[in-house]
Amino acid sequence: MARNYRPLSRSGEIDIVAWQGNTLLFVEVKTRSSDEFGTPDRAVDAEKRQRIFRGARDYARHSGVPLEQSRFDVVTVTLGPKRRIEWLRDAFGKFDVTATL
């Protein structure tokens, strides 16, 4: 659907927007050269999640899709000698949209 989506307000960015069945996916991709300073998903902190939620809210509103019909995933890529890609589905868990925006 979209890649590197940024709303006009610049209130957030979504790396990948895609459909999986009837679920609209908002995917954050994090890459690190190694796990030396922690896994890539640790970089998706509360502030980053809020920016992603704001961008997702904007995208969903303009697409006419209820935000409750969406899911937030994180794809982690670790480079180096132990290359690894992980897809963390529903990485943010269930959320209260009004509390996070």
PDB file of N, CA and C in Angstrom:
ATOM      1  N   MET A   1       0.822  -1.177   0.000  1.00  0.00           N
ATOM      2  CA  MET A   1       0.000   0.000   0.000  1.00  0.00           C
ATOM      3  C   MET A   1       0.879   1.258   0.000  1.00  0.00           C
ATOM      4  N   ALA A   2       1.781   1.346   1.015  1.00  0.00           N
ATOM      5  CA  ALA A   2       2.628   2.540   1.115  1.00  0.00           C
ATOM      6  C   ALA A   2       3.942   2.174   1.787  1.00  0.00           C
ATOM      7  N   ARG A   3       4.925   2.987   1.493  1.00  0.00           N
ATOM      8  CA  ARG A   3       6.243   2.823   2.101  1.00  0.00           C
ATOM      9  C   ARG A   3       6.726   4.206   2.517  1.00  0.00           C
ATOM     10  N   ASN A   4       7.286   4.309   3.716  1.00  0.00           N
ATOM     11  CA  ASN A   4       7.768   5.580   4.257  1.00  0.00           C
ATOM     12  C   ASN A   4       6.673   6.652   4.224  1.00  0.00           C
ATOM     13  N   TYR A   5       5.494   6.278   4.684  1.00  0.00           N
ATOM     14  CA  TYR A   5       4.361   7.206   4.695  1.00  0.00           C
ATOM     15  C   TYR A   5       4.549   8.272   5.765  1.00  0.00           C
ATOM     16  N   ARG A   6       4.415   9.531   5.341  1.00  0.00           N
ATOM     17  CA  ARG A   6       4.480  10.669   6.262  1.00  0.00           C
ATOM     18  C   ARG A   6       3.266  11.548   6.007  1.00  0.00           C
ATOM     19  N   PRO A   7       2.472  11.796   7.039  1.00  0.00           N
ATOM     20  CA  PRO A   7       1.337  12.707   6.857  1.00  0.00           C
ATOM     21  C   PRO A   7       1.836  14.138   6.636  1.00  0.00           C
ATOM     22  N   LEU A   8       0.995  14.979   6.062  1.00  0.00           N
ATOM     23  CA  LEU A   8       1.390  16.365   5.808  1.00  0.00           C
ATOM     24  C   LEU A   8       1.802  17.089   7.080  1.00  0.00           C
ATOM     25  N   SER A   9       1.193  16.719   8.205  1.00  0.00           N
ATOM     26  CA  SER A   9       1.522  17.366   9.474  1.00  0.00           C
ATOM     27  C   SER A   9       2.887  16.945  10.004  1.00  0.00           C
ATOM     28  N   ARG A  10       3.511  15.955   9.370  1.00  0.00           N
ATOM     29  CA  ARG A  10       4.797  15.412   9.823  1.00  0.00           C
ATOM     30  C   ARG A  10       4.706  14.870  11.246  1.00  0.00           C
ATOM     31  N   SER A  11       3.510  14.403  11.621  1.00  0.00           N
ATOM     32  CA  SER A  11       3.292  13.960  13.004  1.00  0.00           C
ATOM     33  C   SER A  11       3.674  12.501  13.227  1.00  0.00           C
ATOM     34  N   GLY A  12       4.258  11.859  12.259  1.00  0.00           N
ATOM     35  CA  GLY A  12       4.679  10.479  12.419  1.00  0.00           C
ATOM     36  C   GLY A  12       5.095   9.906  11.076  1.00  0.00           C
ATOM     37  N   GLU A  13       5.718   8.759  11.115  1.00  0.00           N
ATOM     38  CA  GLU A  13       6.128   8.093   9.878  1.00  0.00           C
ATOM     39  C   GLU A  13       5.872   6.606  10.030  1.00  0.00           C
ATOM     40  N   ILE A  14       5.407   6.003   8.943  1.00  0.00           N
ATOM     41  CA  ILE A  14       5.170   4.566   8.912  1.00  0.00           C
ATOM     42  C   ILE A  14       6.094   3.987   7.842  1.00  0.00           C
ATOM     43  N   ASP A  15       6.937   3.024   8.222  1.00  0.00           N
ATOM     44  CA  ASP A  15       7.862   2.438   7.249  1.00  0.00           C
ATOM     45  C   ASP A  15       7.111   1.667   6.172  1.00  0.00           C
ATOM     46  N   ILE A  16       6.171   0.809   6.578  1.00  0.00           N
ATOM     47  CA  ILE A  16       5.411   0.000   5.618  1.00  0.00           C
ATOM     48  C   ILE A  16       3.949  -0.025   6.051  1.00  0.00           C
ATOM     49  N   VAL A  17       3.049   0.190   5.089  1.00  0.00           N
ATOM     50  CA  VAL A  17       1.614   0.028   5.306  1.00  0.00           C
ATOM     51  C   VAL A  17       1.161  -1.054   4.333  1.00  0.00           C
ATOM     52  N   ALA A  18       0.517  -2.089   4.857  1.00  0.00           N
ATOM     53  CA  ALA A  18       0.120  -3.223   4.015  1.00  0.00           C
ATOM     54  C   ALA A  18      -1.159  -3.843   4.565  1.00  0.00           C
ATOM     55  N   TRP A  19      -1.772  -4.674   3.752  1.00  0.00           N
ATOM     56  CA  TRP A  19      -2.948  -5.436   4.184  1.00  0.00           C
ATOM     57  C   TRP A  19      -2.546  -6.875   4.416  1.00  0.00           C
ATOM     58  N   GLN A  20      -3.090  -7.468   5.465  1.00  0.00           N
ATOM     59  CA  GLN A  20      -3.007  -8.910   5.690  1.00  0.00           C
ATOM     60  C   GLN A  20      -4.440  -9.338   5.967  1.00  0.00           C
ATOM     61  N   GLY A  21      -5.067  -9.902   4.953  1.00  0.00           N
ATOM     62  CA  GLY A  21      -6.485 -10.215   5.059  1.00  0.00           C
ATOM     63  C   GLY A  21      -7.260  -8.922   5.217  1.00  0.00           C
ATOM     64  N   ASN A  22      -8.089  -8.830   6.255  1.00  0.00           N
ATOM     65  CA  ASN A  22      -8.880  -7.624   6.529  1.00  0.00           C
ATOM     66  C   ASN A  22      -8.205  -6.695   7.529  1.00  0.00           C
ATOM     67  N   THR A  23      -6.947  -6.941   7.838  1.00  0.00           N
ATOM     68  CA  THR A  23      -6.223  -6.149   8.831  1.00  0.00           C
ATOM     69  C   THR A  23      -5.226  -5.232   8.137  1.00  0.00           C
ATOM     70  N   LEU A  24      -5.299  -3.953   8.469  1.00  0.00           N
ATOM     71  CA  LEU A  24      -4.349  -2.981   7.944  1.00  0.00           C
ATOM     72  C   LEU A  24      -3.117  -2.999   8.846  1.00  0.00           C
ATOM     73  N   LEU A  25      -1.971  -3.277   8.270  1.00  0.00           N
ATOM     74  CA  LEU A  25      -0.723  -3.374   9.033  1.00  0.00           C
ATOM     75  C   LEU A  25       0.082  -2.085   8.930  1.00  0.00           C
ATOM     76  N   PHE A  26       0.568  -1.650  10.073  1.00  0.00           N
ATOM     77  CA  PHE A  26       1.529  -0.557  10.134  1.00  0.00           C
ATOM     78  C   PHE A  26       2.808  -1.184  10.678  1.00  0.00           C
ATOM     79  N   VAL A  27       3.860  -1.165   9.859  1.00  0.00           N
ATOM     80  CA  VAL A  27       5.081  -1.907  10.199  1.00  0.00           C
ATOM     81  C   VAL A  27       6.257  -0.957  10.360  1.00  0.00           C
ATOM     82  N   GLU A  28       6.924  -1.074  11.497  1.00  0.00           N
ATOM     83  CA  GLU A  28       8.166  -0.348  11.763  1.00  0.00           C
ATOM     84  C   GLU A  28       9.313  -1.313  11.515  1.00  0.00           C
ATOM     85  N   VAL A  29      10.308  -0.884  10.745  1.00  0.00           N
ATOM     86  CA  VAL A  29      11.470  -1.717  10.443  1.00  0.00           C
ATOM     87  C   VAL A  29      12.683  -1.106  11.138  1.00  0.00           C
ATOM     88  N   LYS A  30      13.368  -1.933  11.925  1.00  0.00           N
ATOM     89  CA  LYS A  30      14.560  -1.482  12.643  1.00  0.00           C
ATOM     90  C   LYS A  30      15.726  -2.381  12.280  1.00  0.00           C
ATOM     91  N   THR A  31      16.825  -1.771  11.900  1.00  0.00           N
ATOM     92  CA  THR A  31      18.028  -2.510  11.520  1.00  0.00           C
ATOM     93  C   THR A  31      19.189  -2.084  12.406  1.00  0.00           C
ATOM     94  N   ARG A  32      19.966  -3.054  12.828  1.00  0.00           N
ATOM     95  CA  ARG A  32      21.168  -2.799  13.611  1.00  0.00           C
ATOM     96  C   ARG A  32      22.287  -3.671  13.061  1.00  0.00           C
ATOM     97  N   SER A  33      23.505  -3.214  13.222  1.00  0.00           N
ATOM     98  CA  SER A  33      24.643  -3.987  12.715  1.00  0.00           C
ATOM     99  C   SER A  33      24.932  -5.191  13.595  1.00  0.00           C
ATOM    100  N   SER A  34      24.512  -5.126  14.872  1.00  0.00           N
ATOM    101  CA  SER A  34      24.697  -6.251  15.782  1.00  0.00           C
ATOM    102  C   SER A  34      23.751  -6.075  16.973  1.00  0.00           C
ATOM    103  N   ASP A  35      23.733  -7.076  17.842  1.00  0.00           N
ATOM    104  CA  ASP A  35      22.952  -6.991  19.074  1.00  0.00           C
ATOM    105  C   ASP A  35      23.788  -6.462  20.241  1.00  0.00           C
ATOM    106  N   GLU A  36      24.965  -5.956  19.943  1.00  0.00           N
ATOM    107  CA  GLU A  36      25.889  -5.531  20.995  1.00  0.00           C
ATOM    108  C   GLU A  36      25.253  -4.542  21.982  1.00  0.00           C
ATOM    109  N   PHE A  37      24.431  -3.641  21.471  1.00  0.00           N
ATOM    110  CA  PHE A  37      23.788  -2.646  22.334  1.00  0.00           C
ATOM    111  C   PHE A  37      22.295  -2.911  22.483  1.00  0.00           C
ATOM    112  N   GLY A  38      21.874  -4.142  22.303  1.00  0.00           N
ATOM    113  CA  GLY A  38      20.465  -4.504  22.423  1.00  0.00           C
ATOM    114  C   GLY A  38      19.866  -4.840  21.073  1.00  0.00           C
ATOM    115  N   THR A  39      18.755  -5.515  21.120  1.00  0.00           N
ATOM    116  CA  THR A  39      18.076  -5.917  19.884  1.00  0.00           C
ATOM    117  C   THR A  39      17.424  -4.696  19.228  1.00  0.00           C
ATOM    118  N   PRO A  40      17.227  -4.742  17.918  1.00  0.00           N
ATOM    119  CA  PRO A  40      16.669  -3.581  17.213  1.00  0.00           C
ATOM    120  C   PRO A  40      15.302  -3.132  17.740  1.00  0.00           C
ATOM    121  N   ASP A  41      14.462  -4.057  18.191  1.00  0.00           N
ATOM    122  CA  ASP A  41      13.121  -3.684  18.651  1.00  0.00           C
ATOM    123  C   ASP A  41      13.156  -2.798  19.896  1.00  0.00           C
ATOM    124  N   ARG A  42      14.242  -2.805  20.632  1.00  0.00           N
ATOM    125  CA  ARG A  42      14.348  -1.956  21.831  1.00  0.00           C
ATOM    126  C   ARG A  42      14.363  -0.475  21.474  1.00  0.00           C
ATOM    127  N   ALA A  43      14.650  -0.156  20.208  1.00  0.00           N
ATOM    128  CA  ALA A  43      14.647   1.237  19.764  1.00  0.00           C
ATOM    129  C   ALA A  43      13.230   1.767  19.546  1.00  0.00           C
ATOM    130  N   VAL A  44      12.243   0.890  19.600  1.00  0.00           N
ATOM    131  CA  VAL A  44      10.853   1.316  19.433  1.00  0.00           C
ATOM    132  C   VAL A  44      10.280   1.579  20.829  1.00  0.00           C
ATOM    133  N   ASP A  45      10.638   2.737  21.350  1.00  0.00           N
ATOM    134  CA  ASP A  45      10.220   3.101  22.702  1.00  0.00           C
ATOM    135  C   ASP A  45       8.846   3.785  22.678  1.00  0.00           C
ATOM    136  N   ALA A  46       8.402   4.247  23.829  1.00  0.00           N
ATOM    137  CA  ALA A  46       7.063   4.858  23.943  1.00  0.00           C
ATOM    138  C   ALA A  46       6.921   6.076  23.030  1.00  0.00           C
ATOM    139  N   GLU A  47       7.950   6.895  22.938  1.00  0.00           N
ATOM    140  CA  GLU A  47       7.881   8.085  22.078  1.00  0.00           C
ATOM    141  C   GLU A  47       7.752   7.686  20.608  1.00  0.00           C
ATOM    142  N   LYS A  48       8.527   6.692  20.188  1.00  0.00           N
ATOM    143  CA  LYS A  48       8.458   6.216  18.802  1.00  0.00           C
ATOM    144  C   LYS A  48       7.081   5.623  18.521  1.00  0.00           C
ATOM    145  N   ARG A  49       6.550   4.848  19.465  1.00  0.00           N
ATOM    146  CA  ARG A  49       5.214   4.270  19.279  1.00  0.00           C
ATOM    147  C   ARG A  49       4.164   5.366  19.125  1.00  0.00           C
ATOM    148  N   GLN A  50       4.268   6.434  19.876  1.00  0.00           N
ATOM    149  CA  GLN A  50       3.308   7.533  19.743  1.00  0.00           C
ATOM    150  C   GLN A  50       3.380   8.169  18.365  1.00  0.00           C
ATOM    151  N   ARG A  51       4.592   8.358  17.840  1.00  0.00           N
ATOM    152  CA  ARG A  51       4.733   8.921  16.489  1.00  0.00           C
ATOM    153  C   ARG A  51       4.130   7.980  15.452  1.00  0.00           C
ATOM    154  N   ILE A  52       4.352   6.676  15.632  1.00  0.00           N
ATOM    155  CA  ILE A  52       3.778   5.696  14.708  1.00  0.00           C
ATOM    156  C   ILE A  52       2.253   5.726  14.800  1.00  0.00           C
ATOM    157  N   PHE A  53       1.711   5.780  16.011  1.00  0.00           N
ATOM    158  CA  PHE A  53       0.253   5.854  16.184  1.00  0.00           C
ATOM    159  C   PHE A  53      -0.323   7.084  15.490  1.00  0.00           C
ATOM    160  N   ARG A  54       0.340   8.222  15.616  1.00  0.00           N
ATOM    161  CA  ARG A  54      -0.171   9.446  14.981  1.00  0.00           C
ATOM    162  C   ARG A  54      -0.185   9.303  13.457  1.00  0.00           C
ATOM    163  N   GLY A  55       0.884   8.752  12.912  1.00  0.00           N
ATOM    164  CA  GLY A  55       0.915   8.530  11.467  1.00  0.00           C
ATOM    165  C   GLY A  55      -0.132   7.522  11.029  1.00  0.00           C
ATOM    166  N   ALA A  56      -0.323   6.472  11.827  1.00  0.00           N
ATOM    167  CA  ALA A  56      -1.325   5.449  11.515  1.00  0.00           C
ATOM    168  C   ALA A  56      -2.724   6.034  11.566  1.00  0.00           C
ATOM    169  N   ARG A  57      -2.988   6.855  12.570  1.00  0.00           N
ATOM    170  CA  ARG A  57      -4.306   7.487  12.686  1.00  0.00           C
ATOM    171  C   ARG A  57      -4.593   8.323  11.448  1.00  0.00           C
ATOM    172  N   ASP A  58      -3.606   9.083  10.999  1.00  0.00           N
ATOM    173  CA  ASP A  58      -3.768   9.912   9.811  1.00  0.00           C
ATOM    174  C   ASP A  58      -4.022   9.045   8.580  1.00  0.00           C
ATOM    175  N   TYR A  59      -3.219   7.997   8.406  1.00  0.00           N
ATOM    176  CA  TYR A  59      -3.377   7.123   7.244  1.00  0.00           C
ATOM    177  C   TYR A  59      -4.750   6.454   7.258  1.00  0.00           C
ATOM    178  N   ALA A  60      -5.148   5.919   8.404  1.00  0.00           N
ATOM    179  CA  ALA A  60      -6.434   5.232   8.517  1.00  0.00           C
ATOM    180  C   ALA A  60      -7.584   6.190   8.230  1.00  0.00           C
ATOM    181  N   ARG A  61      -7.503   7.398   8.768  1.00  0.00           N
ATOM    182  CA  ARG A  61      -8.566   8.382   8.547  1.00  0.00           C
ATOM    183  C   ARG A  61      -8.710   8.705   7.066  1.00  0.00           C
ATOM    184  N   HIS A  62      -7.600   8.934   6.387  1.00  0.00           N
ATOM    185  CA  HIS A  62      -7.659   9.260   4.959  1.00  0.00           C
ATOM    186  C   HIS A  62      -8.060   8.066   4.099  1.00  0.00           C
ATOM    187  N   SER A  63      -7.830   6.866   4.606  1.00  0.00           N
ATOM    188  CA  SER A  63      -8.193   5.655   3.857  1.00  0.00           C
ATOM    189  C   SER A  63      -9.607   5.184   4.170  1.00  0.00           C
ATOM    190  N   GLY A  64     -10.225   5.762   5.191  1.00  0.00           N
ATOM    191  CA  GLY A  64     -11.566   5.345   5.580  1.00  0.00           C
ATOM    192  C   GLY A  64     -11.601   3.999   6.297  1.00  0.00           C
ATOM    193  N   VAL A  65     -10.486   3.635   6.914  1.00  0.00           N
ATOM    194  CA  VAL A  65     -10.391   2.358   7.634  1.00  0.00           C
ATOM    195  C   VAL A  65     -10.368   2.652   9.131  1.00  0.00           C
ATOM    196  N   PRO A  66     -11.235   1.985   9.915  1.00  0.00           N
ATOM    197  CA  PRO A  66     -11.185   2.204  11.368  1.00  0.00           C
ATOM    198  C   PRO A  66      -9.825   1.762  11.919  1.00  0.00           C
ATOM    199  N   LEU A  67      -9.232   2.590  12.764  1.00  0.00           N
ATOM    200  CA  LEU A  67      -7.932   2.265  13.330  1.00  0.00           C
ATOM    201  C   LEU A  67      -7.980   0.962  14.120  1.00  0.00           C
ATOM    202  N   GLU A  68      -9.153   0.634  14.649  1.00  0.00           N
ATOM    203  CA  GLU A  68      -9.311  -0.619  15.392  1.00  0.00           C
ATOM    204  C   GLU A  68      -9.161  -1.846  14.492  1.00  0.00           C
ATOM    205  N   GLN A  69      -9.193  -1.645  13.180  1.00  0.00           N
ATOM    206  CA  GLN A  69      -9.032  -2.726  12.201  1.00  0.00           C
ATOM    207  C   GLN A  69      -7.556  -2.871  11.803  1.00  0.00           C
ATOM    208  N   SER A  70      -6.674  -2.288  12.572  1.00  0.00           N
ATOM    209  CA  SER A  70      -5.258  -2.306  12.214  1.00  0.00           C
ATOM    210  C   SER A  70      -4.437  -3.039  13.257  1.00  0.00           C
ATOM    211  N   ARG A  71      -3.184  -3.290  12.896  1.00  0.00           N
ATOM    212  CA  ARG A  71      -2.236  -3.955  13.785  1.00  0.00           C
ATOM    213  C   ARG A  71      -0.880  -3.288  13.593  1.00  0.00           C
ATOM    214  N   PHE A  72      -0.099  -3.257  14.662  1.00  0.00           N
ATOM    215  CA  PHE A  72       1.221  -2.647  14.619  1.00  0.00           C
ATOM    216  C   PHE A  72       2.273  -3.734  14.790  1.00  0.00           C
ATOM    217  N   ASP A  73       3.090  -3.907  13.761  1.00  0.00           N
ATOM    218  CA  ASP A  73       4.136  -4.920  13.765  1.00  0.00           C
ATOM    219  C   ASP A  73       5.501  -4.242  13.730  1.00  0.00           C
ATOM    220  N   VAL A  74       6.517  -4.977  14.158  1.00  0.00           N
ATOM    221  CA  VAL A  74       7.903  -4.517  14.062  1.00  0.00           C
ATOM    222  C   VAL A  74       8.700  -5.613  13.374  1.00  0.00           C
ATOM    223  N   VAL A  75       9.460  -5.238  12.367  1.00  0.00           N
ATOM    224  CA  VAL A  75      10.384  -6.162  11.711  1.00  0.00           C
ATOM    225  C   VAL A  75      11.787  -5.735  12.117  1.00  0.00           C
ATOM    226  N   THR A  76      12.535  -6.675  12.692  1.00  0.00           N
ATOM    227  CA  THR A  76      13.900  -6.364  13.106  1.00  0.00           C
ATOM    228  C   THR A  76      14.883  -7.076  12.175  1.00  0.00           C
ATOM    229  N   VAL A  77      15.942  -6.357  11.848  1.00  0.00           N
ATOM    230  CA  VAL A  77      17.001  -6.897  11.001  1.00  0.00           C
ATOM    231  C   VAL A  77      18.314  -6.698  11.753  1.00  0.00           C
ATOM    232  N   THR A  78      19.004  -7.794  12.008  1.00  0.00           N
ATOM    233  CA  THR A  78      20.309  -7.730  12.654  1.00  0.00           C
ATOM    234  C   THR A  78      21.339  -8.206  11.647  1.00  0.00           C
ATOM    235  N   LEU A  79      22.315  -7.358  11.368  1.00  0.00           N
ATOM    236  CA  LEU A  79      23.365  -7.692  10.402  1.00  0.00           C
ATOM    237  C   LEU A  79      24.545  -8.308  11.146  1.00  0.00           C
ATOM    238  N   GLY A  80      25.668  -8.428  10.489  1.00  0.00           N
ATOM    239  CA  GLY A  80      26.843  -8.989  11.135  1.00  0.00           C
ATOM    240  C   GLY A  80      26.910 -10.489  10.946  1.00  0.00           C
ATOM    241  N   PRO A  81      27.763 -11.140  11.742  1.00  0.00           N
ATOM    242  CA  PRO A  81      27.976 -12.584  11.543  1.00  0.00           C
ATOM    243  C   PRO A  81      26.725 -13.423  11.823  1.00  0.00           C
ATOM    244  N   LYS A  82      25.846 -12.958  12.696  1.00  0.00           N
ATOM    245  CA  LYS A  82      24.620 -13.704  13.003  1.00  0.00           C
ATOM    246  C   LYS A  82      23.417 -12.965  12.409  1.00  0.00           C
ATOM    247  N   ARG A  83      23.350 -12.901  11.090  1.00  0.00           N
ATOM    248  CA  ARG A  83      22.253 -12.183  10.436  1.00  0.00           C
ATOM    249  C   ARG A  83      20.921 -12.812  10.796  1.00  0.00           C
ATOM    250  N   ARG A  84      19.968 -11.912  11.096  1.00  0.00           N
ATOM    251  CA  ARG A  84      18.662 -12.415  11.520  1.00  0.00           C
ATOM    252  C   ARG A  84      17.581 -11.391  11.160  1.00  0.00           C
ATOM    253  N   ILE A  85      16.436 -11.904  10.715  1.00  0.00           N
ATOM    254  CA  ILE A  85      15.253 -11.079  10.471  1.00  0.00           C
ATOM    255  C   ILE A  85      14.125 -11.676  11.294  1.00  0.00           C
ATOM    256  N   GLU A  86      13.447 -10.827  12.063  1.00  0.00           N
ATOM    257  CA  GLU A  86      12.317 -11.278  12.870  1.00  0.00           C
ATOM    258  C   GLU A  86      11.118 -10.378  12.609  1.00  0.00           C
ATOM    259  N   TRP A  87       9.936 -10.985  12.525  1.00  0.00           N
ATOM    260  CA  TRP A  87       8.690 -10.250  12.338  1.00  0.00           C
ATOM    261  C   TRP A  87       7.895 -10.389  13.624  1.00  0.00           C
ATOM    262  N   LEU A  88       7.786  -9.310  14.362  1.00  0.00           N
ATOM    263  CA  LEU A  88       7.072  -9.306  15.636  1.00  0.00           C
ATOM    264  C   LEU A  88       5.650  -8.805  15.378  1.00  0.00           C
ATOM    265  N   ARG A  89       4.711  -9.736  15.289  1.00  0.00           N
ATOM    266  CA  ARG A  89       3.323  -9.390  15.017  1.00  0.00           C
ATOM    267  C   ARG A  89       2.657  -8.844  16.270  1.00  0.00           C
ATOM    268  N   ASP A  90       1.819  -7.844  16.072  1.00  0.00           N
ATOM    269  CA  ASP A  90       1.099  -7.194  17.173  1.00  0.00           C
ATOM    270  C   ASP A  90       2.086  -6.780  18.268  1.00  0.00           C
ATOM    271  N   ALA A  91       3.173  -6.160  17.840  1.00  0.00           N
ATOM    272  CA  ALA A  91       4.279  -5.824  18.738  1.00  0.00           C
ATOM    273  C   ALA A  91       3.891  -4.829  19.829  1.00  0.00           C
ATOM    274  N   PHE A  92       2.869  -4.030  19.578  1.00  0.00           N
ATOM    275  CA  PHE A  92       2.459  -3.041  20.577  1.00  0.00           C
ATOM    276  C   PHE A  92       1.336  -3.577  21.444  1.00  0.00           C
ATOM    277  N   GLY A  93       0.830  -4.762  21.145  1.00  0.00           N
ATOM    278  CA  GLY A  93      -0.284  -5.320  21.905  1.00  0.00           C
ATOM    279  C   GLY A  93      -1.560  -4.533  21.662  1.00  0.00           C
ATOM    280  N   LYS A  94      -2.560  -4.828  22.411  1.00  0.00           N
ATOM    281  CA  LYS A  94      -3.805  -4.066  22.317  1.00  0.00           C
ATOM    282  C   LYS A  94      -3.573  -2.709  22.950  1.00  0.00           C
ATOM    283  N   PHE A  95      -4.145  -1.697  22.364  1.00  0.00           N
ATOM    284  CA  PHE A  95      -3.879  -0.353  22.841  1.00  0.00           C
ATOM    285  C   PHE A  95      -5.161   0.460  22.909  1.00  0.00           C
ATOM    286  N   ASP A  96      -5.116   1.466  23.746  1.00  0.00           N
ATOM    287  CA  ASP A  96      -6.199   2.449  23.830  1.00  0.00           C
ATOM    288  C   ASP A  96      -5.749   3.632  22.984  1.00  0.00           C
ATOM    289  N   VAL A  97      -6.353   3.784  21.813  1.00  0.00           N
ATOM    290  CA  VAL A  97      -5.922   4.813  20.867  1.00  0.00           C
ATOM    291  C   VAL A  97      -5.964   6.190  21.510  1.00  0.00           C
ATOM    292  N   THR A  98      -6.980   6.505  22.262  1.00  0.00           N
ATOM    293  CA  THR A  98      -7.105   7.843  22.834  1.00  0.00           C
ATOM    294  C   THR A  98      -6.016   8.111  23.874  1.00  0.00           C
ATOM    295  N   ALA A  99      -5.519   7.079  24.522  1.00  0.00           N
ATOM    296  CA  ALA A  99      -4.500   7.275  25.554  1.00  0.00           C
ATOM    297  C   ALA A  99      -3.117   7.488  24.960  1.00  0.00           C
ATOM    298  N   THR A 100      -2.907   7.071  23.716  1.00  0.00           N
ATOM    299  CA  THR A 100      -1.570   7.128  23.143  1.00  0.00           C
ATOM    300  C   THR A 100      -1.379   8.297  22.187  1.00  0.00           C
ATOM    301  N   LEU A 101      -2.438   8.998  21.865  1.00  0.00           N
ATOM    302  CA  LEU A 101      -2.315  10.078  20.875  1.00  0.00           C
ATOM    303  C   LEU A 101      -2.350  11.445  21.497  1.00  0.00           C
TER     304      LEU A 101
END
